[in-house]
Amino acid sequence: MIPDYTPGIALAIQFAVAPALLLVGVGGILNVVAVRLARVVDRARALERHVPEIDGPLRAQEIAELRVLDRRMKICHASVGLCTAAGFLICLVVALLFVNSMMDRGYDNLVSVLFVLAMAALSLGLVLFLTEITIAMRVVKVSDAYVSRGHGRRHRD
C-alpha cells in the first residue's frame, strides 16, 4: 500500500525538476565564464612579468593591453557573480517548491518573484559574458598575412 504523502512527494519532485535542469545549465555557463576569466588572468600575469623588461612602443602597447585585460577581468567577475546569484535563487525556488508542495505554505508568490529574479540575474550575467567576448574580439587583431580573405580558402606556405 502506498502512503498518502507519496503522490505529494512525487508531484513536488516533478515541479522541482525543471528548475533543477536550469541549474545544470547555469553551472555550464559558470564553467565557461570561469575558464575565460582564468585565461584573462593568466595573460595579465604574463604581461605584468614582461612589461618591466621592455621599453618604448612595445611597453606602451602591452600596458594598453593590460588595461583592457583589467576591464575584461572585472566584467567576467561580475558575470560570474550574477550567474552564481541566479544559481542560488534557482536553488531557493527548488527548495520552496518542494516545501510548498509538501506543507502548502502559500509560497507561490515568493517562488514567482525568486524565479523572475533568477532569470534577471542570469540574463544580466549573459549580457556581461557577451560584452567580455565582444571586447576580446575588438582587441585581438590577426594579421592579413595569416588569414585568407575571400573564397573561403587558406593560403598554403
Foldseek 3Di string as FASTA:
>chain_A
DDDPCVVLQVVLVVVLVVLVVVLVVLVVVLVVLVVVLVVLVVLLVVLVVVLVVDDDPVNVVSVVVNVLSVVLNVLSVLLNVLSVLLSVLSVVLSVCSSCCSRPVPPCVVVSVVSNVSSVVSNVSSVVSVVVSVVSVVVPDDDDCVQDPDDPPDGDDD
